[in-house]
Amino acid sequence: MESKITINEYGDKIWTLPDGKYHREDGPAMEYNYGYKIWFLEGIEYTEQEHKYEMRTIKLERLLNEK
């Protein structure tokens, strides 16, 4: 899924889907200027470890569905 980045006046970076849900597959969907990060996939919040696990699962499913 393709997400769009927005950078606010404080320098915070936020990735969202067209429907407004927070989403980023290659890193945290929210990166605050002061260093705090939050990981989301399709609007669901994950810890960094959970996000890595989910992305491994998603990538494997995509590979299997290509065949």
N, C-alpha and C. Protein backbone atom coordinates (compact mmCIF):
# COMPACT_ATOMS: atom_id res chain seq x y z
N MET A 1 0.83 -1.18 0.00
CA MET A 1 0.00 0.00 0.00
C MET A 1 0.87 1.24 0.00
N GLU A 2 0.45 2.21 -0.73
CA GLU A 2 1.23 3.44 -0.86
C GLU A 2 0.74 4.48 0.15
N SER A 3 1.64 4.93 1.01
CA SER A 3 1.29 5.97 1.97
C SER A 3 1.97 7.27 1.59
N LYS A 4 1.40 8.36 2.08
CA LYS A 4 1.90 9.70 1.77
C LYS A 4 2.48 10.32 3.04
N ILE A 5 3.61 10.99 2.90
CA ILE A 5 4.24 11.63 4.05
C ILE A 5 3.79 13.08 4.15
N THR A 6 3.56 13.51 5.38
CA THR A 6 3.27 14.90 5.69
C THR A 6 4.27 15.34 6.75
N ILE A 7 4.83 16.51 6.58
CA ILE A 7 5.74 17.06 7.59
C ILE A 7 5.10 18.33 8.11
N ASN A 8 4.85 18.38 9.42
CA ASN A 8 4.19 19.55 9.99
C ASN A 8 5.18 20.66 10.34
N GLU A 9 4.66 21.73 10.89
CA GLU A 9 5.49 22.91 11.19
C GLU A 9 6.56 22.64 12.24
N TYR A 10 6.43 21.54 13.00
CA TYR A 10 7.41 21.19 14.02
C TYR A 10 8.49 20.24 13.49
N GLY A 11 8.32 19.80 12.26
CA GLY A 11 9.26 18.85 11.67
C GLY A 11 8.90 17.40 11.90
N ASP A 12 7.71 17.16 12.48
CA ASP A 12 7.23 15.80 12.68
C ASP A 12 6.84 15.21 11.34
N LYS A 13 7.16 13.93 11.11
CA LYS A 13 6.84 13.25 9.86
C LYS A 13 5.76 12.21 10.13
N ILE A 14 4.69 12.26 9.32
CA ILE A 14 3.56 11.36 9.51
C ILE A 14 3.16 10.78 8.16
N TRP A 15 3.08 9.44 8.09
CA TRP A 15 2.69 8.74 6.87
C TRP A 15 1.25 8.26 7.01
N THR A 16 0.43 8.53 5.99
CA THR A 16 -0.96 8.11 6.01
C THR A 16 -1.38 7.52 4.66
N LEU A 17 -2.41 6.70 4.72
CA LEU A 17 -3.05 6.17 3.52
C LEU A 17 -4.07 7.19 3.03
N PRO A 18 -4.58 7.04 1.81
CA PRO A 18 -5.59 7.99 1.31
C PRO A 18 -6.82 8.10 2.21
N ASP A 19 -7.16 7.04 2.95
CA ASP A 19 -8.33 7.10 3.83
C ASP A 19 -8.02 7.71 5.20
N GLY A 20 -6.76 8.18 5.39
CA GLY A 20 -6.38 8.86 6.62
C GLY A 20 -5.77 7.97 7.69
N LYS A 21 -5.75 6.65 7.48
CA LYS A 21 -5.15 5.75 8.46
C LYS A 21 -3.63 5.89 8.42
N TYR A 22 -3.02 5.82 9.61
CA TYR A 22 -1.57 5.85 9.69
C TYR A 22 -1.03 4.55 9.14
N HIS A 23 0.02 4.65 8.29
CA HIS A 23 0.54 3.44 7.67
C HIS A 23 1.93 3.70 7.10
N ARG A 24 2.84 2.80 7.40
CA ARG A 24 4.16 2.80 6.77
C ARG A 24 4.76 1.41 6.90
N GLU A 25 5.22 0.88 5.78
CA GLU A 25 5.75 -0.48 5.78
C GLU A 25 7.25 -0.54 6.05
N ASP A 26 7.99 0.51 5.74
CA ASP A 26 9.44 0.47 5.87
C ASP A 26 9.98 1.27 7.06
N GLY A 27 9.15 1.47 8.06
CA GLY A 27 9.59 2.19 9.24
C GLY A 27 8.41 2.70 10.03
N PRO A 28 8.67 3.55 11.02
CA PRO A 28 7.58 4.08 11.82
C PRO A 28 6.71 5.04 11.00
N ALA A 29 5.40 5.02 11.26
CA ALA A 29 4.47 5.90 10.54
C ALA A 29 4.46 7.30 11.14
N MET A 30 4.99 7.44 12.34
CA MET A 30 5.11 8.75 12.98
C MET A 30 6.53 8.89 13.51
N GLU A 31 7.20 9.92 13.08
CA GLU A 31 8.54 10.23 13.58
C GLU A 31 8.51 11.68 14.08
N TYR A 32 8.49 11.82 15.38
CA TYR A 32 8.43 13.15 15.96
C TYR A 32 9.82 13.79 15.98
N ASN A 33 9.85 15.08 15.86
CA ASN A 33 11.08 15.85 15.79
C ASN A 33 12.01 15.57 16.97
N TYR A 34 11.44 15.29 18.14
CA TYR A 34 12.24 15.04 19.34
C TYR A 34 12.68 13.58 19.48
N GLY A 35 12.38 12.74 18.44
CA GLY A 35 12.91 11.38 18.42
C GLY A 35 11.93 10.26 18.69
N TYR A 36 10.75 10.56 19.20
CA TYR A 36 9.77 9.52 19.49
C TYR A 36 9.20 8.96 18.19
N LYS A 37 9.00 7.64 18.12
CA LYS A 37 8.51 6.99 16.91
C LYS A 37 7.37 6.03 17.25
N ILE A 38 6.39 5.95 16.33
CA ILE A 38 5.26 5.05 16.50
C ILE A 38 5.05 4.30 15.19
N TRP A 39 4.87 2.99 15.27
CA TRP A 39 4.72 2.14 14.10
C TRP A 39 3.25 1.79 13.90
N PHE A 40 2.78 1.92 12.65
CA PHE A 40 1.40 1.59 12.29
C PHE A 40 1.38 0.83 10.97
N LEU A 41 0.41 -0.05 10.84
CA LEU A 41 0.06 -0.68 9.57
C LEU A 41 -1.45 -0.60 9.45
N GLU A 42 -1.91 0.06 8.40
CA GLU A 42 -3.34 0.22 8.14
C GLU A 42 -4.11 0.70 9.37
N GLY A 43 -3.55 1.65 10.09
CA GLY A 43 -4.22 2.25 11.23
C GLY A 43 -4.08 1.50 12.55
N ILE A 44 -3.40 0.37 12.54
CA ILE A 44 -3.21 -0.42 13.76
C ILE A 44 -1.81 -0.16 14.30
N GLU A 45 -1.73 0.21 15.57
CA GLU A 45 -0.44 0.51 16.18
C GLU A 45 0.27 -0.77 16.60
N TYR A 46 1.58 -0.79 16.36
CA TYR A 46 2.44 -1.92 16.71
C TYR A 46 3.67 -1.40 17.44
N THR A 47 4.27 -2.28 18.24
CA THR A 47 5.60 -1.97 18.74
C THR A 47 6.57 -2.16 17.57
N GLU A 48 7.79 -1.72 17.72
CA GLU A 48 8.77 -1.89 16.64
C GLU A 48 8.96 -3.37 16.31
N GLN A 49 9.07 -4.21 17.33
CA GLN A 49 9.26 -5.65 17.12
C GLN A 49 8.05 -6.27 16.43
N GLU A 50 6.84 -5.91 16.87
CA GLU A 50 5.63 -6.43 16.26
C GLU A 50 5.54 -6.01 14.79
N HIS A 51 5.92 -4.77 14.51
CA HIS A 51 5.89 -4.26 13.14
C HIS A 51 6.83 -5.07 12.25
N LYS A 52 8.03 -5.34 12.74
CA LYS A 52 8.99 -6.13 11.96
C LYS A 52 8.45 -7.52 11.68
N TYR A 53 7.82 -8.14 12.67
CA TYR A 53 7.25 -9.47 12.49
C TYR A 53 6.12 -9.42 11.46
N GLU A 54 5.22 -8.45 11.58
CA GLU A 54 4.10 -8.33 10.64
C GLU A 54 4.60 -8.11 9.22
N MET A 55 5.63 -7.29 9.06
CA MET A 55 6.15 -7.02 7.72
C MET A 55 6.81 -8.26 7.13
N ARG A 56 7.49 -9.06 7.94
CA ARG A 56 8.05 -10.32 7.43
C ARG A 56 6.92 -11.23 6.94
N THR A 57 5.84 -11.30 7.69
CA THR A 57 4.69 -12.12 7.31
C THR A 57 4.06 -11.59 6.03
N ILE A 58 3.87 -10.29 5.93
CA ILE A 58 3.27 -9.68 4.73
C ILE A 58 4.15 -9.93 3.51
N LYS A 59 5.45 -9.75 3.64
CA LYS A 59 6.35 -9.96 2.51
C LYS A 59 6.35 -11.41 2.06
N LEU A 60 6.31 -12.34 3.00
CA LEU A 60 6.26 -13.76 2.66
C LEU A 60 4.96 -14.07 1.91
N GLU A 61 3.85 -13.55 2.39
CA GLU A 61 2.55 -13.77 1.72
C GLU A 61 2.57 -13.20 0.30
N ARG A 62 3.17 -12.04 0.13
CA ARG A 62 3.26 -11.44 -1.20
C ARG A 62 4.09 -12.31 -2.13
N LEU A 63 5.20 -12.84 -1.63
CA LEU A 63 6.04 -13.72 -2.45
C LEU A 63 5.29 -14.98 -2.85
N LEU A 64 4.57 -15.57 -1.92
CA LEU A 64 3.84 -16.79 -2.20
C LEU A 64 2.70 -16.55 -3.19
N ASN A 65 2.09 -15.37 -3.13
CA ASN A 65 0.97 -15.05 -4.02
C ASN A 65 1.42 -14.68 -5.43
N GLU A 66 2.71 -14.41 -5.62
CA GLU A 66 3.23 -14.08 -6.94
C GLU A 66 3.24 -15.29 -7.85
N LYS A 67 3.29 -16.48 -7.29
CA LYS A 67 3.43 -17.71 -8.08
C LYS A 67 2.10 -18.26 -8.51
